[in-house]
């Protein structure tokens, strides 16, 4: 919860609310309840925390993939001739 409120206040609120409203429009289960919760409590709600945790997992996954790609590229780069770089 320590990071959720500042992230919410610094710009996460708008895209998160848009996404939850889209979920409501698509008829996703519990989307209406989630929206009501977010509108009442904002970044201090369990729903906001769940959003932050999901985004953190996505960021960690992307960073891991980027590190793997960089490692593979570095290994291949070391095998090339310097004048070809």
N, C-alpha and C. Protein backbone atom coordinates (compact mmCIF):
# COMPACT_ATOMS: atom_id res chain seq x y z
N UNK A 1 0.82 -1.19 0.00
CA UNK A 1 0.00 0.00 0.00
C UNK A 1 0.87 1.26 0.00
N UNK A 2 2.13 1.12 0.38
CA UNK A 2 2.99 2.29 0.48
C UNK A 2 3.18 2.98 -0.86
N UNK A 3 3.29 2.21 -1.93
CA UNK A 3 3.48 2.81 -3.25
C UNK A 3 2.18 3.03 -4.00
N UNK A 4 1.16 2.34 -3.62
CA UNK A 4 -0.10 2.41 -4.36
C UNK A 4 -0.67 3.82 -4.37
N UNK A 5 -0.76 4.44 -3.22
CA UNK A 5 -1.37 5.78 -3.14
C UNK A 5 -0.57 6.81 -3.96
N UNK A 6 0.75 6.90 -3.80
CA UNK A 6 1.48 7.88 -4.62
C UNK A 6 1.36 7.60 -6.12
N UNK A 7 1.43 6.33 -6.52
CA UNK A 7 1.29 6.00 -7.94
C UNK A 7 -0.10 6.39 -8.43
N UNK A 8 -1.09 6.12 -7.61
CA UNK A 8 -2.47 6.46 -7.96
C UNK A 8 -2.60 7.97 -8.16
N UNK A 9 -2.06 8.71 -7.24
CA UNK A 9 -2.18 10.17 -7.29
C UNK A 9 -1.33 10.80 -8.39
N UNK A 10 -0.26 10.12 -8.80
CA UNK A 10 0.65 10.68 -9.81
C UNK A 10 0.27 10.29 -11.23
N UNK A 11 -0.91 9.69 -11.41
CA UNK A 11 -1.35 9.44 -12.78
C UNK A 11 -1.93 8.08 -13.06
N UNK A 12 -1.85 7.16 -12.15
CA UNK A 12 -2.40 5.83 -12.40
C UNK A 12 -3.93 5.84 -12.35
N UNK A 13 -4.51 6.76 -11.61
CA UNK A 13 -5.97 6.77 -11.41
C UNK A 13 -6.72 6.82 -12.75
N UNK A 14 -6.35 7.73 -13.60
CA UNK A 14 -7.10 7.92 -14.85
C UNK A 14 -7.11 6.67 -15.73
N UNK A 15 -5.95 6.11 -16.09
CA UNK A 15 -6.00 4.92 -16.95
C UNK A 15 -6.62 3.71 -16.24
N UNK A 16 -6.44 3.61 -14.94
CA UNK A 16 -7.03 2.48 -14.22
C UNK A 16 -8.55 2.58 -14.24
N UNK A 17 -9.08 3.77 -13.98
CA UNK A 17 -10.53 3.94 -14.00
C UNK A 17 -11.10 3.71 -15.40
N UNK A 18 -10.39 4.16 -16.41
CA UNK A 18 -10.83 3.92 -17.79
C UNK A 18 -10.90 2.41 -18.05
N UNK A 19 -9.87 1.68 -17.62
CA UNK A 19 -9.84 0.23 -17.85
C UNK A 19 -10.97 -0.47 -17.10
N UNK A 20 -11.23 -0.06 -15.87
CA UNK A 20 -12.30 -0.69 -15.10
C UNK A 20 -13.66 -0.35 -15.71
N UNK A 21 -13.83 0.88 -16.17
CA UNK A 21 -15.09 1.24 -16.83
C UNK A 21 -15.29 0.43 -18.11
N UNK A 22 -14.21 0.19 -18.84
CA UNK A 22 -14.31 -0.66 -20.04
C UNK A 22 -14.71 -2.07 -19.64
N UNK A 23 -14.18 -2.54 -18.52
CA UNK A 23 -14.58 -3.85 -18.01
C UNK A 23 -16.06 -3.89 -17.69
N UNK A 24 -16.57 -2.80 -17.13
CA UNK A 24 -18.01 -2.71 -16.84
C UNK A 24 -18.81 -2.79 -18.15
N UNK A 25 -18.36 -2.04 -19.16
CA UNK A 25 -19.05 -2.03 -20.46
C UNK A 25 -19.05 -3.42 -21.10
N UNK A 26 -17.99 -4.18 -20.86
CA UNK A 26 -17.90 -5.53 -21.44
C UNK A 26 -18.59 -6.57 -20.57
N UNK A 27 -19.10 -6.14 -19.43
CA UNK A 27 -19.83 -7.06 -18.57
C UNK A 27 -18.96 -8.01 -17.77
N UNK A 28 -17.72 -7.61 -17.50
CA UNK A 28 -16.83 -8.47 -16.72
C UNK A 28 -17.36 -8.64 -15.30
N UNK A 29 -17.22 -9.84 -14.75
CA UNK A 29 -17.71 -10.07 -13.39
C UNK A 29 -17.00 -9.15 -12.40
N UNK A 30 -17.75 -8.62 -11.48
CA UNK A 30 -17.25 -7.78 -10.38
C UNK A 30 -16.69 -6.43 -10.83
N UNK A 31 -16.78 -6.09 -12.09
CA UNK A 31 -16.24 -4.81 -12.55
C UNK A 31 -17.00 -3.64 -11.94
N UNK A 32 -18.31 -3.76 -11.83
CA UNK A 32 -19.11 -2.68 -11.23
C UNK A 32 -18.71 -2.45 -9.78
N UNK A 33 -18.52 -3.54 -9.04
CA UNK A 33 -18.11 -3.43 -7.64
C UNK A 33 -16.71 -2.83 -7.53
N UNK A 34 -15.82 -3.22 -8.43
CA UNK A 34 -14.47 -2.68 -8.43
C UNK A 34 -14.49 -1.18 -8.71
N UNK A 35 -15.31 -0.78 -9.68
CA UNK A 35 -15.42 0.64 -10.02
C UNK A 35 -15.96 1.44 -8.83
N UNK A 36 -16.99 0.93 -8.20
CA UNK A 36 -17.55 1.63 -7.04
C UNK A 36 -16.50 1.76 -5.93
N UNK A 37 -15.75 0.69 -5.72
CA UNK A 37 -14.70 0.69 -4.70
C UNK A 37 -13.64 1.75 -5.02
N UNK A 38 -13.20 1.79 -6.27
CA UNK A 38 -12.17 2.76 -6.68
C UNK A 38 -12.68 4.19 -6.60
N UNK A 39 -13.92 4.39 -6.99
CA UNK A 39 -14.48 5.75 -6.93
C UNK A 39 -14.64 6.22 -5.49
N UNK A 40 -14.89 5.29 -4.58
CA UNK A 40 -15.03 5.63 -3.16
C UNK A 40 -13.68 5.86 -2.49
N UNK A 41 -12.73 4.95 -2.72
CA UNK A 41 -11.49 4.98 -1.95
C UNK A 41 -10.23 5.25 -2.73
N UNK A 42 -10.32 5.31 -4.05
CA UNK A 42 -9.15 5.60 -4.87
C UNK A 42 -7.98 4.66 -4.63
N UNK A 43 -6.81 5.24 -4.46
CA UNK A 43 -5.58 4.46 -4.31
C UNK A 43 -5.44 3.75 -2.99
N UNK A 44 -6.38 3.91 -2.10
CA UNK A 44 -6.31 3.26 -0.79
C UNK A 44 -7.11 1.96 -0.75
N UNK A 45 -7.58 1.50 -1.88
CA UNK A 45 -8.43 0.31 -1.92
C UNK A 45 -7.64 -0.94 -2.30
N UNK A 46 -8.17 -2.10 -1.94
CA UNK A 46 -7.53 -3.36 -2.36
C UNK A 46 -7.49 -3.51 -3.88
N UNK A 47 -8.48 -2.97 -4.56
CA UNK A 47 -8.50 -3.05 -6.03
C UNK A 47 -7.32 -2.26 -6.61
N UNK A 48 -7.08 -1.06 -6.09
CA UNK A 48 -5.95 -0.26 -6.57
C UNK A 48 -4.64 -1.01 -6.32
N UNK A 49 -4.52 -1.62 -5.16
CA UNK A 49 -3.30 -2.38 -4.85
C UNK A 49 -3.13 -3.54 -5.82
N UNK A 50 -4.23 -4.22 -6.14
CA UNK A 50 -4.17 -5.33 -7.09
C UNK A 50 -3.71 -4.85 -8.47
N UNK A 51 -4.17 -3.67 -8.87
CA UNK A 51 -3.75 -3.10 -10.15
C UNK A 51 -2.25 -2.82 -10.13
N UNK A 52 -1.76 -2.22 -9.06
CA UNK A 52 -0.33 -1.92 -8.94
C UNK A 52 0.49 -3.20 -8.95
N UNK A 53 0.04 -4.22 -8.25
CA UNK A 53 0.78 -5.49 -8.22
C UNK A 53 0.81 -6.14 -9.59
N UNK A 54 -0.30 -6.08 -10.31
CA UNK A 54 -0.33 -6.65 -11.66
C UNK A 54 0.63 -5.91 -12.58
N UNK A 55 0.62 -4.58 -12.51
CA UNK A 55 1.55 -3.79 -13.33
C UNK A 55 3.00 -4.09 -12.96
N UNK A 56 3.28 -4.29 -11.68
CA UNK A 56 4.64 -4.62 -11.24
C UNK A 56 5.07 -5.97 -11.81
N UNK A 57 4.17 -6.95 -11.79
CA UNK A 57 4.50 -8.27 -12.36
C UNK A 57 4.78 -8.15 -13.86
N UNK A 58 3.98 -7.36 -14.56
CA UNK A 58 4.20 -7.16 -16.00
C UNK A 58 5.55 -6.49 -16.26
N UNK A 59 5.88 -5.48 -15.47
CA UNK A 59 7.15 -4.79 -15.62
C UNK A 59 8.32 -5.73 -15.34
N UNK A 60 8.21 -6.54 -14.30
CA UNK A 60 9.26 -7.50 -13.97
C UNK A 60 9.46 -8.50 -15.11
N UNK A 61 8.35 -8.97 -15.69
CA UNK A 61 8.43 -9.92 -16.80
C UNK A 61 9.12 -9.28 -18.00
N UNK A 62 8.75 -8.05 -18.33
CA UNK A 62 9.37 -7.36 -19.46
C UNK A 62 10.86 -7.13 -19.21
N UNK A 63 11.22 -6.76 -18.00
CA UNK A 63 12.63 -6.53 -17.67
C UNK A 63 13.42 -7.83 -17.80
N UNK A 64 12.83 -8.93 -17.36
CA UNK A 64 13.50 -10.23 -17.46
C UNK A 64 13.71 -10.61 -18.93
N UNK A 65 12.71 -10.41 -19.75
CA UNK A 65 12.83 -10.71 -21.17
C UNK A 65 13.89 -9.82 -21.82
N UNK A 66 13.88 -8.54 -21.48
CA UNK A 66 14.88 -7.62 -22.04
C UNK A 66 16.29 -8.03 -21.64
N UNK A 67 16.46 -8.47 -20.41
CA UNK A 67 17.78 -8.91 -19.94
C UNK A 67 18.22 -10.16 -20.70
N UNK A 68 17.29 -11.07 -20.94
CA UNK A 68 17.62 -12.28 -21.69
C UNK A 68 18.02 -11.95 -23.13
N UNK A 69 17.28 -11.07 -23.76
CA UNK A 69 17.58 -10.67 -25.14
C UNK A 69 18.94 -9.97 -25.20
N UNK A 70 19.19 -9.09 -24.24
CA UNK A 70 20.48 -8.39 -24.19
C UNK A 70 21.61 -9.38 -24.01
N UNK A 71 21.43 -10.35 -23.15
CA UNK A 71 22.46 -11.36 -22.92
C UNK A 71 22.73 -12.17 -24.18
N UNK A 72 21.67 -12.58 -24.86
CA UNK A 72 21.85 -13.34 -26.10
C UNK A 72 22.55 -12.50 -27.16
N UNK A 73 22.16 -11.25 -27.27
CA UNK A 73 22.78 -10.36 -28.26
C UNK A 73 24.25 -10.12 -27.94
N UNK A 74 24.55 -9.95 -26.65
CA UNK A 74 25.93 -9.70 -26.24
C UNK A 74 26.81 -10.91 -26.59
N UNK A 75 26.31 -12.11 -26.32
CA UNK A 75 27.07 -13.32 -26.65
C UNK A 75 27.36 -13.40 -28.14
N UNK A 76 26.39 -13.05 -28.95
CA UNK A 76 26.58 -13.11 -30.40
C UNK A 76 27.50 -11.99 -30.88
N UNK A 77 27.38 -10.83 -30.26
CA UNK A 77 28.20 -9.69 -30.64
C UNK A 77 29.68 -9.99 -30.40
N UNK A 78 29.99 -10.68 -29.32
CA UNK A 78 31.38 -11.01 -29.01
C UNK A 78 32.00 -11.93 -30.06
N UNK A 79 31.15 -12.67 -30.79
CA UNK A 79 31.66 -13.59 -31.80
C UNK A 79 31.83 -12.95 -33.17
N UNK A 80 31.43 -11.68 -33.32
CA UNK A 80 31.57 -11.03 -34.60
C UNK A 80 32.91 -10.31 -34.69
N UNK A 81 33.29 -10.01 -35.89
CA UNK A 81 34.53 -9.28 -36.09
C UNK A 81 34.31 -7.81 -35.77
N UNK A 82 35.23 -7.17 -35.07
CA UNK A 82 35.06 -5.78 -34.67
C UNK A 82 34.77 -4.85 -35.85
N UNK A 83 35.38 -5.12 -36.98
CA UNK A 83 35.18 -4.22 -38.12
C UNK A 83 33.77 -4.35 -38.70
N UNK A 84 33.02 -5.36 -38.31
CA UNK A 84 31.65 -5.51 -38.79
C UNK A 84 30.65 -4.83 -37.86
N UNK A 85 31.10 -4.32 -36.76
CA UNK A 85 30.18 -3.66 -35.82
C UNK A 85 30.08 -2.19 -36.07
